[in-house]
Amino acid sequence: IYRAALEELQRRSQFEEKKRQRETEGQWGVTAAEEEEENQRIHEFQESIPKMCSQLRILTHFYQGIVQQFLVLLTTSSDESLRFLSFRLDFNEHHKAREPRLRVSLGARGRRSSHT
């Protein structure tokens, strides 16, 4: 999204610079065809934004799932330092609120992992 936005900004700046340069040379800024082509390109970019946002939502959901699985694996580890790492990685309890398996207290995690 960021790269696409930067490219769009660059294209718009180039178009405006092209118009200014022609005007300073005493020519007409741009032709109607060039203006229409630029408007069409802008319209296509604007139509691509919802698709990019949708892809970002999918990637966000996928990433959240991977992080939650990783934290669950850490919490069920028999190594105490890994269990504490999960606590440190989720220090604000953002993932704990979304994943029921992470809601077990740290003390209970140690007892539970000794049974696995």
PDB file of N, CA and C in Angstrom:
ATOM      1  N   ILE A   1       0.846  -1.187   0.000  1.00  0.00           N
ATOM      2  CA  ILE A   1       0.000   0.000   0.000  1.00  0.00           C
ATOM      3  C   ILE A   1       0.886   1.243   0.000  1.00  0.00           C
ATOM      4  N   TYR A   2       1.914   1.206   0.846  1.00  0.00           N
ATOM      5  CA  TYR A   2       2.797   2.361   0.954  1.00  0.00           C
ATOM      6  C   TYR A   2       3.497   2.631  -0.375  1.00  0.00           C
ATOM      7  N   ARG A   3       4.024   1.588  -0.982  1.00  0.00           N
ATOM      8  CA  ARG A   3       4.719   1.736  -2.261  1.00  0.00           C
ATOM      9  C   ARG A   3       3.763   2.240  -3.337  1.00  0.00           C
ATOM     10  N   ALA A   4       2.565   1.696  -3.368  1.00  0.00           N
ATOM     11  CA  ALA A   4       1.581   2.131  -4.365  1.00  0.00           C
ATOM     12  C   ALA A   4       1.222   3.602  -4.167  1.00  0.00           C
ATOM     13  N   ALA A   5       1.098   4.020  -2.919  1.00  0.00           N
ATOM     14  CA  ALA A   5       0.786   5.418  -2.637  1.00  0.00           C
ATOM     15  C   ALA A   5       1.935   6.335  -3.051  1.00  0.00           C
ATOM     16  N   LEU A   6       3.168   5.908  -2.783  1.00  0.00           N
ATOM     17  CA  LEU A   6       4.314   6.717  -3.199  1.00  0.00           C
ATOM     18  C   LEU A   6       4.408   6.823  -4.721  1.00  0.00           C
ATOM     19  N   GLU A   7       4.164   5.709  -5.406  1.00  0.00           N
ATOM     20  CA  GLU A   7       4.186   5.728  -6.866  1.00  0.00           C
ATOM     21  C   GLU A   7       3.095   6.645  -7.411  1.00  0.00           C
ATOM     22  N   GLU A   8       1.929   6.596  -6.810  1.00  0.00           N
ATOM     23  CA  GLU A   8       0.830   7.461  -7.244  1.00  0.00           C
ATOM     24  C   GLU A   8       1.182   8.925  -7.014  1.00  0.00           C
ATOM     25  N   LEU A   9       1.752   9.229  -5.892  1.00  0.00           N
ATOM     26  CA  LEU A   9       2.173  10.606  -5.606  1.00  0.00           C
ATOM     27  C   LEU A   9       3.207  11.066  -6.630  1.00  0.00           C
ATOM     28  N   GLN A  10       4.160  10.197  -6.955  1.00  0.00           N
ATOM     29  CA  GLN A  10       5.193  10.542  -7.929  1.00  0.00           C
ATOM     30  C   GLN A  10       4.579  10.789  -9.310  1.00  0.00           C
ATOM     31  N   ARG A  11       3.655   9.948  -9.719  1.00  0.00           N
ATOM     32  CA  ARG A  11       3.010  10.124 -11.037  1.00  0.00           C
ATOM     33  C   ARG A  11       2.222  11.428 -11.101  1.00  0.00           C
ATOM     34  N   ARG A  12       1.502  11.735 -10.008  1.00  0.00           N
ATOM     35  CA  ARG A  12       0.740  12.988  -9.991  1.00  0.00           C
ATOM     36  C   ARG A  12       1.672  14.190 -10.021  1.00  0.00           C
ATOM     37  N   SER A  13       2.765  14.104  -9.281  1.00  0.00           N
ATOM     38  CA  SER A  13       3.740  15.201  -9.273  1.00  0.00           C
ATOM     39  C   SER A  13       4.358  15.378 -10.652  1.00  0.00           C
ATOM     40  N   GLN A  14       4.690  14.275 -11.327  1.00  0.00           N
ATOM     41  CA  GLN A  14       5.260  14.345 -12.667  1.00  0.00           C
ATOM     42  C   GLN A  14       4.270  14.977 -13.647  1.00  0.00           C
ATOM     43  N   PHE A  15       3.008  14.629 -13.505  1.00  0.00           N
ATOM     44  CA  PHE A  15       1.987  15.184 -14.394  1.00  0.00           C
ATOM     45  C   PHE A  15       1.867  16.687 -14.182  1.00  0.00           C
ATOM     46  N   GLU A  16       1.829  17.113 -12.927  1.00  0.00           N
ATOM     47  CA  GLU A  16       1.737  18.538 -12.627  1.00  0.00           C
ATOM     48  C   GLU A  16       2.982  19.285 -13.092  1.00  0.00           C
ATOM     49  N   GLU A  17       4.145  18.675 -12.920  1.00  0.00           N
ATOM     50  CA  GLU A  17       5.393  19.289 -13.371  1.00  0.00           C
ATOM     51  C   GLU A  17       5.402  19.421 -14.894  1.00  0.00           C
ATOM     52  N   LYS A  18       4.888  18.422 -15.578  1.00  0.00           N
ATOM     53  CA  LYS A  18       4.804  18.452 -17.042  1.00  0.00           C
ATOM     54  C   LYS A  18       3.915  19.619 -17.487  1.00  0.00           C
ATOM     55  N   LYS A  19       2.801  19.800 -16.790  1.00  0.00           N
ATOM     56  CA  LYS A  19       1.909  20.919 -17.115  1.00  0.00           C
ATOM     57  C   LYS A  19       2.607  22.259 -16.886  1.00  0.00           C
ATOM     58  N   ARG A  20       3.255  22.414 -15.737  1.00  0.00           N
ATOM     59  CA  ARG A  20       3.943  23.678 -15.416  1.00  0.00           C
ATOM     60  C   ARG A  20       5.052  23.972 -16.432  1.00  0.00           C
ATOM     61  N   GLN A  21       5.821  22.949 -16.801  1.00  0.00           N
ATOM     62  CA  GLN A  21       6.924  23.136 -17.736  1.00  0.00           C
ATOM     63  C   GLN A  21       6.411  23.602 -19.101  1.00  0.00           C
ATOM     64  N   ARG A  22       5.352  22.976 -19.574  1.00  0.00           N
ATOM     65  CA  ARG A  22       4.789  23.376 -20.871  1.00  0.00           C
ATOM     66  C   ARG A  22       4.251  24.804 -20.817  1.00  0.00           C
ATOM     67  N   GLU A  23       3.621  25.155 -19.701  1.00  0.00           N
ATOM     68  CA  GLU A  23       3.061  26.508 -19.572  1.00  0.00           C
ATOM     69  C   GLU A  23       4.165  27.558 -19.552  1.00  0.00           C
ATOM     70  N   THR A  24       5.291  27.241 -18.890  1.00  0.00           N
ATOM     71  CA  THR A  24       6.401  28.202 -18.869  1.00  0.00           C
ATOM     72  C   THR A  24       7.054  28.335 -20.244  1.00  0.00           C
ATOM     73  N   GLU A  25       6.933  27.314 -21.074  1.00  0.00           N
ATOM     74  CA  GLU A  25       7.455  27.364 -22.442  1.00  0.00           C
ATOM     75  C   GLU A  25       6.478  28.058 -23.395  1.00  0.00           C
ATOM     76  N   GLY A  26       5.329  28.485 -22.863  1.00  0.00           N
ATOM     77  CA  GLY A  26       4.344  29.185 -23.678  1.00  0.00           C
ATOM     78  C   GLY A  26       3.387  28.266 -24.401  1.00  0.00           C
ATOM     79  N   GLN A  27       3.395  26.997 -24.054  1.00  0.00           N
ATOM     80  CA  GLN A  27       2.494  26.030 -24.691  1.00  0.00           C
ATOM     81  C   GLN A  27       1.265  25.815 -23.814  1.00  0.00           C
ATOM     82  N   TRP A  28       0.302  25.141 -24.375  1.00  0.00           N
ATOM     83  CA  TRP A  28      -0.870  24.733 -23.613  1.00  0.00           C
ATOM     84  C   TRP A  28      -0.427  23.665 -22.627  1.00  0.00           C
ATOM     85  N   GLY A  29      -0.967  23.677 -21.388  1.00  0.00           N
ATOM     86  CA  GLY A  29      -0.544  22.742 -20.342  1.00  0.00           C
ATOM     87  C   GLY A  29      -0.549  21.293 -20.786  1.00  0.00           C
ATOM     88  N   VAL A  30      -1.713  20.729 -20.971  1.00  0.00           N
ATOM     89  CA  VAL A  30      -1.852  19.349 -21.457  1.00  0.00           C
ATOM     90  C   VAL A  30      -3.059  19.295 -22.375  1.00  0.00           C
ATOM     91  N   THR A  31      -3.072  18.282 -23.196  1.00  0.00           N
ATOM     92  CA  THR A  31      -4.209  18.112 -24.094  1.00  0.00           C
ATOM     93  C   THR A  31      -5.364  17.463 -23.339  1.00  0.00           C
ATOM     94  N   ALA A  32      -6.521  17.527 -23.952  1.00  0.00           N
ATOM     95  CA  ALA A  32      -7.696  16.903 -23.341  1.00  0.00           C
ATOM     96  C   ALA A  32      -7.491  15.394 -23.213  1.00  0.00           C
ATOM     97  N   ALA A  33      -6.813  14.803 -24.195  1.00  0.00           N
ATOM     98  CA  ALA A  33      -6.559  13.359 -24.150  1.00  0.00           C
ATOM     99  C   ALA A  33      -5.630  13.011 -22.996  1.00  0.00           C
ATOM    100  N   GLU A  34      -4.585  13.832 -22.796  1.00  0.00           N
ATOM    101  CA  GLU A  34      -3.667  13.589 -21.689  1.00  0.00           C
ATOM    102  C   GLU A  34      -4.363  13.771 -20.335  1.00  0.00           C
ATOM    103  N   GLU A  35      -5.209  14.777 -20.271  1.00  0.00           N
ATOM    104  CA  GLU A  35      -5.972  15.028 -19.038  1.00  0.00           C
ATOM    105  C   GLU A  35      -6.910  13.849 -18.751  1.00  0.00           C
ATOM    106  N   GLU A  36      -7.576  13.351 -19.777  1.00  0.00           N
ATOM    107  CA  GLU A  36      -8.482  12.209 -19.619  1.00  0.00           C
ATOM    108  C   GLU A  36      -7.707  10.956 -19.203  1.00  0.00           C
ATOM    109  N   GLU A  37      -6.542  10.762 -19.806  1.00  0.00           N
ATOM    110  CA  GLU A  37      -5.707   9.611 -19.456  1.00  0.00           C
ATOM    111  C   GLU A  37      -5.272   9.675 -17.988  1.00  0.00           C
ATOM    112  N   GLU A  38      -4.891  10.873 -17.543  1.00  0.00           N
ATOM    113  CA  GLU A  38      -4.495  11.053 -16.141  1.00  0.00           C
ATOM    114  C   GLU A  38      -5.671  10.808 -15.204  1.00  0.00           C
ATOM    115  N   ASN A  39      -6.831  11.319 -15.548  1.00  0.00           N
ATOM    116  CA  ASN A  39      -8.023  11.099 -14.719  1.00  0.00           C
ATOM    117  C   ASN A  39      -8.393   9.624 -14.648  1.00  0.00           C
ATOM    118  N   GLN A  40      -8.240   8.909 -15.752  1.00  0.00           N
ATOM    119  CA  GLN A  40      -8.527   7.472 -15.786  1.00  0.00           C
ATOM    120  C   GLN A  40      -7.554   6.714 -14.879  1.00  0.00           C
ATOM    121  N   ARG A  41      -6.267   7.093 -14.943  1.00  0.00           N
ATOM    122  CA  ARG A  41      -5.267   6.442 -14.103  1.00  0.00           C
ATOM    123  C   ARG A  41      -5.566   6.705 -12.623  1.00  0.00           C
ATOM    124  N   ILE A  42      -5.935   7.926 -12.293  1.00  0.00           N
ATOM    125  CA  ILE A  42      -6.292   8.265 -10.905  1.00  0.00           C
ATOM    126  C   ILE A  42      -7.498   7.459 -10.462  1.00  0.00           C
ATOM    127  N   HIS A  43      -8.490   7.345 -11.328  1.00  0.00           N
ATOM    128  CA  HIS A  43      -9.698   6.572 -11.004  1.00  0.00           C
ATOM    129  C   HIS A  43      -9.363   5.099 -10.754  1.00  0.00           C
ATOM    130  N   GLU A  44      -8.489   4.540 -11.577  1.00  0.00           N
ATOM    131  CA  GLU A  44      -8.081   3.149 -11.387  1.00  0.00           C
ATOM    132  C   GLU A  44      -7.347   2.956 -10.061  1.00  0.00           C
ATOM    133  N   PHE A  45      -6.509   3.932  -9.716  1.00  0.00           N
ATOM    134  CA  PHE A  45      -5.816   3.847  -8.423  1.00  0.00           C
ATOM    135  C   PHE A  45      -6.823   3.888  -7.273  1.00  0.00           C
ATOM    136  N   GLN A  46      -7.781   4.785  -7.358  1.00  0.00           N
ATOM    137  CA  GLN A  46      -8.790   4.891  -6.301  1.00  0.00           C
ATOM    138  C   GLN A  46      -9.617   3.617  -6.173  1.00  0.00           C
ATOM    139  N   GLU A  47      -9.873   2.955  -7.294  1.00  0.00           N
ATOM    140  CA  GLU A  47     -10.615   1.700  -7.246  1.00  0.00           C
ATOM    141  C   GLU A  47      -9.786   0.556  -6.679  1.00  0.00           C
ATOM    142  N   SER A  48      -8.466   0.658  -6.734  1.00  0.00           N
ATOM    143  CA  SER A  48      -7.605  -0.408  -6.209  1.00  0.00           C
ATOM    144  C   SER A  48      -7.442  -0.335  -4.690  1.00  0.00           C
ATOM    145  N   ILE A  49      -7.777   0.778  -4.091  1.00  0.00           N
ATOM    146  CA  ILE A  49      -7.582   0.952  -2.648  1.00  0.00           C
ATOM    147  C   ILE A  49      -8.393  -0.055  -1.828  1.00  0.00           C
ATOM    148  N   PRO A  50      -9.679  -0.269  -2.093  1.00  0.00           N
ATOM    149  CA  PRO A  50     -10.407  -1.275  -1.297  1.00  0.00           C
ATOM    150  C   PRO A  50      -9.800  -2.673  -1.386  1.00  0.00           C
ATOM    151  N   LYS A  51      -9.298  -3.050  -2.556  1.00  0.00           N
ATOM    152  CA  LYS A  51      -8.670  -4.358  -2.707  1.00  0.00           C
ATOM    153  C   LYS A  51      -7.417  -4.444  -1.838  1.00  0.00           C
ATOM    154  N   MET A  52      -6.603  -3.387  -1.843  1.00  0.00           N
ATOM    155  CA  MET A  52      -5.400  -3.375  -1.008  1.00  0.00           C
ATOM    156  C   MET A  52      -5.765  -3.438   0.469  1.00  0.00           C
ATOM    157  N   CYS A  53      -6.806  -2.735   0.870  1.00  0.00           N
ATOM    158  CA  CYS A  53      -7.250  -2.767   2.271  1.00  0.00           C
ATOM    159  C   CYS A  53      -7.731  -4.161   2.655  1.00  0.00           C
ATOM    160  N   SER A  54      -8.433  -4.815   1.749  1.00  0.00           N
ATOM    161  CA  SER A  54      -8.892  -6.172   1.998  1.00  0.00           C
ATOM    162  C   SER A  54      -7.720  -7.124   2.166  1.00  0.00           C
ATOM    163  N   GLN A  55      -6.719  -6.996   1.306  1.00  0.00           N
ATOM    164  CA  GLN A  55      -5.529  -7.835   1.420  1.00  0.00           C
ATOM    165  C   GLN A  55      -4.810  -7.577   2.742  1.00  0.00           C
ATOM    166  N   LEU A  56      -4.770  -6.326   3.159  1.00  0.00           N
ATOM    167  CA  LEU A  56      -4.130  -5.984   4.432  1.00  0.00           C
ATOM    168  C   LEU A  56      -4.881  -6.610   5.606  1.00  0.00           C
ATOM    169  N   ARG A  57      -6.205  -6.596   5.559  1.00  0.00           N
ATOM    170  CA  ARG A  57      -7.002  -7.232   6.620  1.00  0.00           C
ATOM    171  C   ARG A  57      -6.736  -8.732   6.683  1.00  0.00           C
ATOM    172  N   ILE A  58      -6.634  -9.373   5.524  1.00  0.00           N
ATOM    173  CA  ILE A  58      -6.345 -10.813   5.488  1.00  0.00           C
ATOM    174  C   ILE A  58      -4.974 -11.095   6.074  1.00  0.00           C
ATOM    175  N   LEU A  59      -3.972 -10.321   5.678  1.00  0.00           N
ATOM    176  CA  LEU A  59      -2.621 -10.505   6.211  1.00  0.00           C
ATOM    177  C   LEU A  59      -2.577 -10.248   7.715  1.00  0.00           C
ATOM    178  N   THR A  60      -3.301  -9.244   8.176  1.00  0.00           N
ATOM    179  CA  THR A  60      -3.349  -8.942   9.605  1.00  0.00           C
ATOM    180  C   THR A  60      -3.942 -10.109  10.377  1.00  0.00           C
ATOM    181  N   HIS A  61      -5.038 -10.650   9.878  1.00  0.00           N
ATOM    182  CA  HIS A  61      -5.691 -11.787  10.535  1.00  0.00           C
ATOM    183  C   HIS A  61      -4.755 -12.992  10.573  1.00  0.00           C
ATOM    184  N   PHE A  62      -4.086 -13.263   9.448  1.00  0.00           N
ATOM    185  CA  PHE A  62      -3.149 -14.382   9.356  1.00  0.00           C
ATOM    186  C   PHE A  62      -1.998 -14.191  10.344  1.00  0.00           C
ATOM    187  N   TYR A  63      -1.438 -12.994  10.389  1.00  0.00           N
ATOM    188  CA  TYR A  63      -0.326 -12.695  11.296  1.00  0.00           C
ATOM    189  C   TYR A  63      -0.758 -12.854  12.753  1.00  0.00           C
ATOM    190  N   GLN A  64      -1.931 -12.346  13.096  1.00  0.00           N
ATOM    191  CA  GLN A  64      -2.433 -12.470  14.464  1.00  0.00           C
ATOM    192  C   GLN A  64      -2.571 -13.941  14.855  1.00  0.00           C
ATOM    193  N   GLY A  65      -3.040 -14.746  13.943  1.00  0.00           N
ATOM    194  CA  GLY A  65      -3.179 -16.177  14.218  1.00  0.00           C
ATOM    195  C   GLY A  65      -1.841 -16.848  14.478  1.00  0.00           C
ATOM    196  N   ILE A  66      -0.849 -16.494  13.683  1.00  0.00           N
ATOM    197  CA  ILE A  66       0.485 -17.074  13.871  1.00  0.00           C
ATOM    198  C   ILE A  66       1.069 -16.650  15.213  1.00  0.00           C
ATOM    199  N   VAL A  67       0.940 -15.374  15.554  1.00  0.00           N
ATOM    200  CA  VAL A  67       1.466 -14.885  16.830  1.00  0.00           C
ATOM    201  C   VAL A  67       0.765 -15.582  17.994  1.00  0.00           C
ATOM    202  N   GLN A  68      -0.541 -15.730  17.905  1.00  0.00           N
ATOM    203  CA  GLN A  68      -1.276 -16.406  18.979  1.00  0.00           C
ATOM    204  C   GLN A  68      -0.845 -17.860  19.113  1.00  0.00           C
ATOM    205  N   GLN A  69      -0.658 -18.545  17.996  1.00  0.00           N
ATOM    206  CA  GLN A  69      -0.186 -19.931  18.063  1.00  0.00           C
ATOM    207  C   GLN A  69       1.196 -19.999  18.695  1.00  0.00           C
ATOM    208  N   PHE A  70       2.056 -19.075  18.342  1.00  0.00           N
ATOM    209  CA  PHE A  70       3.401 -19.031  18.912  1.00  0.00           C
ATOM    210  C   PHE A  70       3.331 -18.805  20.425  1.00  0.00           C
ATOM    211  N   LEU A  71       2.481 -17.886  20.861  1.00  0.00           N
ATOM    212  CA  LEU A  71       2.348 -17.618  22.295  1.00  0.00           C
ATOM    213  C   LEU A  71       1.784 -18.820  23.044  1.00  0.00           C
ATOM    214  N   VAL A  72       0.841 -19.519  22.421  1.00  0.00           N
ATOM    215  CA  VAL A  72       0.289 -20.720  23.054  1.00  0.00           C
ATOM    216  C   VAL A  72       1.383 -21.770  23.197  1.00  0.00           C
ATOM    217  N   LEU A  73       2.183 -21.955  22.173  1.00  0.00           N
ATOM    218  CA  LEU A  73       3.288 -22.913  22.264  1.00  0.00           C
ATOM    219  C   LEU A  73       4.268 -22.524  23.377  1.00  0.00           C
ATOM    220  N   LEU A  74       4.539 -21.231  23.501  1.00  0.00           N
ATOM    221  CA  LEU A  74       5.432 -20.785  24.564  1.00  0.00           C
ATOM    222  C   LEU A  74       4.832 -21.045  25.942  1.00  0.00           C
ATOM    223  N   THR A  75       3.540 -20.785  26.086  1.00  0.00           N
ATOM    224  CA  THR A  75       2.901 -20.954  27.401  1.00  0.00           C
ATOM    225  C   THR A  75       2.806 -22.414  27.811  1.00  0.00           C
ATOM    226  N   THR A  76       2.775 -23.316  26.843  1.00  0.00           N
ATOM    227  CA  THR A  76       2.663 -24.739  27.182  1.00  0.00           C
ATOM    228  C   THR A  76       4.018 -25.430  27.247  1.00  0.00           C
ATOM    229  N   SER A  77       5.073 -24.655  27.074  1.00  0.00           N
ATOM    230  CA  SER A  77       6.411 -25.224  27.124  1.00  0.00           C
ATOM    231  C   SER A  77       6.767 -25.642  28.549  1.00  0.00           C
ATOM    232  N   SER A  78       7.561 -26.678  28.652  1.00  0.00           N
ATOM    233  CA  SER A  78       8.020 -27.120  29.976  1.00  0.00           C
ATOM    234  C   SER A  78       9.152 -26.219  30.488  1.00  0.00           C
ATOM    235  N   ASP A  79       9.751 -25.450  29.615  1.00  0.00           N
ATOM    236  CA  ASP A  79      10.823 -24.527  29.992  1.00  0.00           C
ATOM    237  C   ASP A  79      10.204 -23.251  30.576  1.00  0.00           C
ATOM    238  N   GLU A  80      10.510 -22.984  31.809  1.00  0.00           N
ATOM    239  CA  GLU A  80       9.929 -21.832  32.511  1.00  0.00           C
ATOM    240  C   GLU A  80      10.298 -20.511  31.840  1.00  0.00           C
ATOM    241  N   SER A  81      11.506 -20.407  31.336  1.00  0.00           N
ATOM    242  CA  SER A  81      11.918 -19.155  30.690  1.00  0.00           C
ATOM    243  C   SER A  81      11.103 -18.882  29.426  1.00  0.00           C
ATOM    244  N   LEU A  82      10.691 -19.926  28.708  1.00  0.00           N
ATOM    245  CA  LEU A  82       9.837 -19.733  27.533  1.00  0.00           C
ATOM    246  C   LEU A  82       8.437 -19.290  27.931  1.00  0.00           C
ATOM    247  N   ARG A  83       7.943 -19.827  29.042  1.00  0.00           N
ATOM    248  CA  ARG A  83       6.631 -19.382  29.533  1.00  0.00           C
ATOM    249  C   ARG A  83       6.684 -17.909  29.916  1.00  0.00           C
ATOM    250  N   PHE A  84       7.757 -17.487  30.564  1.00  0.00           N
ATOM    251  CA  PHE A  84       7.902 -16.081  30.918  1.00  0.00           C
ATOM    252  C   PHE A  84       8.103 -15.217  29.663  1.00  0.00           C
ATOM    253  N   LEU A  85       8.740 -15.765  28.637  1.00  0.00           N
ATOM    254  CA  LEU A  85       8.882 -15.032  27.389  1.00  0.00           C
ATOM    255  C   LEU A  85       7.510 -14.731  26.792  1.00  0.00           C
ATOM    256  N   SER A  86       6.608 -15.692  26.852  1.00  0.00           N
ATOM    257  CA  SER A  86       5.260 -15.454  26.326  1.00  0.00           C
ATOM    258  C   SER A  86       4.580 -14.328  27.089  1.00  0.00           C
ATOM    259  N   PHE A  87       4.795 -14.297  28.379  1.00  0.00           N
ATOM    260  CA  PHE A  87       4.229 -13.224  29.204  1.00  0.00           C
ATOM    261  C   PHE A  87       4.832 -11.878  28.789  1.00  0.00           C
ATOM    262  N   ARG A  88       6.134 -11.842  28.538  1.00  0.00           N
ATOM    263  CA  ARG A  88       6.804 -10.592  28.165  1.00  0.00           C
ATOM    264  C   ARG A  88       6.387 -10.134  26.767  1.00  0.00           C
ATOM    265  N   LEU A  89       6.214 -11.091  25.851  1.00  0.00           N
ATOM    266  CA  LEU A  89       5.819 -10.716  24.489  1.00  0.00           C
ATOM    267  C   LEU A  89       4.393 -10.172  24.449  1.00  0.00           C
ATOM    268  N   ASP A  90       3.557 -10.639  25.342  1.00  0.00           N
ATOM    269  CA  ASP A  90       2.167 -10.179  25.394  1.00  0.00           C
ATOM    270  C   ASP A  90       1.967  -9.320  26.647  1.00  0.00           C
ATOM    271  N   PHE A  91       2.903  -8.405  26.885  1.00  0.00           N
ATOM    272  CA  PHE A  91       2.900  -7.614  28.115  1.00  0.00           C
ATOM    273  C   PHE A  91       1.629  -6.805  28.311  1.00  0.00           C
ATOM    274  N   ASN A  92       0.998  -6.345  27.253  1.00  0.00           N
ATOM    275  CA  ASN A  92      -0.238  -5.570  27.403  1.00  0.00           C
ATOM    276  C   ASN A  92      -1.495  -6.440  27.303  1.00  0.00           C
ATOM    277  N   GLU A  93      -1.302  -7.745  27.215  1.00  0.00           N
ATOM    278  CA  GLU A  93      -2.374  -8.752  27.191  1.00  0.00           C
ATOM    279  C   GLU A  93      -3.331  -8.590  26.013  1.00  0.00           C
ATOM    280  N   HIS A  94      -2.831  -8.053  24.924  1.00  0.00           N
ATOM    281  CA  HIS A  94      -3.641  -7.908  23.719  1.00  0.00           C
ATOM    282  C   HIS A  94      -4.053  -9.275  23.172  1.00  0.00           C
ATOM    283  N   HIS A  95      -3.091 -10.192  23.089  1.00  0.00           N
ATOM    284  CA  HIS A  95      -3.375 -11.523  22.535  1.00  0.00           C
ATOM    285  C   HIS A  95      -4.129 -12.384  23.546  1.00  0.00           C
ATOM    286  N   LYS A  96      -3.863 -12.168  24.815  1.00  0.00           N
ATOM    287  CA  LYS A  96      -4.547 -12.928  25.857  1.00  0.00           C
ATOM    288  C   LYS A  96      -6.057 -12.685  25.788  1.00  0.00           C
ATOM    289  N   ALA A  97      -6.445 -11.468  25.477  1.00  0.00           N
ATOM    290  CA  ALA A  97      -7.867 -11.128  25.382  1.00  0.00           C
ATOM    291  C   ALA A  97      -8.533 -11.819  24.193  1.00  0.00           C
ATOM    292  N   ARG A  98      -7.769 -12.166  23.177  1.00  0.00           N
ATOM    293  CA  ARG A  98      -8.330 -12.769  21.961  1.00  0.00           C
ATOM    294  C   ARG A  98      -8.229 -14.291  21.920  1.00  0.00           C
ATOM    295  N   GLU A  99      -7.352 -14.859  22.712  1.00  0.00           N
ATOM    296  CA  GLU A  99      -7.107 -16.307  22.660  1.00  0.00           C
ATOM    297  C   GLU A  99      -7.394 -16.929  24.020  1.00  0.00           C
ATOM    298  N   PRO A 100      -8.448 -17.754  24.132  1.00  0.00           N
ATOM    299  CA  PRO A 100      -8.798 -18.354  25.423  1.00  0.00           C
ATOM    300  C   PRO A 100      -7.683 -19.198  26.038  1.00  0.00           C
ATOM    301  N   ARG A 101      -6.874 -19.845  25.208  1.00  0.00           N
ATOM    302  CA  ARG A 101      -5.815 -20.695  25.755  1.00  0.00           C
ATOM    303  C   ARG A 101      -4.707 -19.884  26.429  1.00  0.00           C
ATOM    304  N   LEU A 102      -4.686 -18.580  26.202  1.00  0.00           N
ATOM    305  CA  LEU A 102      -3.676 -17.732  26.829  1.00  0.00           C
ATOM    306  C   LEU A 102      -4.176 -17.113  28.136  1.00  0.00           C
ATOM    307  N   ARG A 103      -5.425 -17.366  28.498  1.00  0.00           N
ATOM    308  CA  ARG A 103      -6.005 -16.749  29.690  1.00  0.00           C
ATOM    309  C   ARG A 103      -5.660 -17.472  30.973  1.00  0.00           C
ATOM    310  N   VAL A 104      -5.006 -18.611  30.861  1.00  0.00           N
ATOM    311  CA  VAL A 104      -4.612 -19.378  32.043  1.00  0.00           C
ATOM    312  C   VAL A 104      -3.510 -18.610  32.755  1.00  0.00           C
ATOM    313  N   SER A 105      -3.575 -18.543  34.071  1.00  0.00           N
ATOM    314  CA  SER A 105      -2.580 -17.790  34.821  1.00  0.00           C
ATOM    315  C   SER A 105      -1.200 -18.418  34.660  1.00  0.00           C
ATOM    316  N   LEU A 106      -0.166 -17.620  34.897  1.00  0.00           N
ATOM    317  CA  LEU A 106       1.200 -18.095  34.727  1.00  0.00           C
ATOM    318  C   LEU A 106       1.497 -19.249  35.673  1.00  0.00           C
ATOM    319  N   GLY A 107       0.978 -19.201  36.883  1.00  0.00           N
ATOM    320  CA  GLY A 107       1.189 -20.299  37.829  1.00  0.00           C
ATOM    321  C   GLY A 107       0.532 -21.572  37.353  1.00  0.00           C
ATOM    322  N   ALA A 108      -0.666 -21.467  36.808  1.00  0.00           N
ATOM    323  CA  ALA A 108      -1.373 -22.635  36.294  1.00  0.00           C
ATOM    324  C   ALA A 108      -0.685 -23.173  35.042  1.00  0.00           C
ATOM    325  N   ARG A 109      -0.029 -22.311  34.300  1.00  0.00           N
ATOM    326  CA  ARG A 109       0.680 -22.760  33.100  1.00  0.00           C
ATOM    327  C   ARG A 109       1.775 -23.736  33.478  1.00  0.00           C
ATOM    328  N   GLY A 110       2.481 -23.420  34.534  1.00  0.00           N
ATOM    329  CA  GLY A 110       3.567 -24.300  34.968  1.00  0.00           C
ATOM    330  C   GLY A 110       3.040 -25.653  35.390  1.00  0.00           C
ATOM    331  N   ARG A 111       1.913 -25.641  36.121  1.00  0.00           N
ATOM    332  CA  ARG A 111       1.329 -26.915  36.546  1.00  0.00           C
ATOM    333  C   ARG A 111       0.790 -27.690  35.355  1.00  0.00           C
ATOM    334  N   ARG A 112       0.138 -26.974  34.447  1.00  0.00           N
ATOM    335  CA  ARG A 112      -0.456 -27.653  33.294  1.00  0.00           C
ATOM    336  C   ARG A 112       0.628 -28.245  32.400  1.00  0.00           C
ATOM    337  N   SER A 113       1.723 -27.538  32.194  1.00  0.00           N
ATOM    338  CA  SER A 113       2.747 -28.033  31.286  1.00  0.00           C
ATOM    339  C   SER A 113       3.460 -29.254  31.858  1.00  0.00           C
ATOM    340  N   SER A 114       3.430 -29.431  33.177  1.00  0.00           N
ATOM    341  CA  SER A 114       4.090 -30.592  33.741  1.00  0.00           C
ATOM    342  C   SER A 114       3.310 -31.866  33.461  1.00  0.00           C
ATOM    343  N   HIS A 115       2.016 -31.730  33.097  1.00  0.00           N
ATOM    344  CA  HIS A 115       1.202 -32.899  32.747  1.00  0.00           C
ATOM    345  C   HIS A 115       1.327 -33.283  31.296  1.00  0.00           C
ATOM    346  N   THR A 116       1.885 -32.399  30.452  1.00  0.00           N
ATOM    347  CA  THR A 116       1.955 -32.731  29.011  1.00  0.00           C
ATOM    348  C   THR A 116       3.220 -33.414  28.672  1.00  0.00           C
TER     349      THR A 116
END
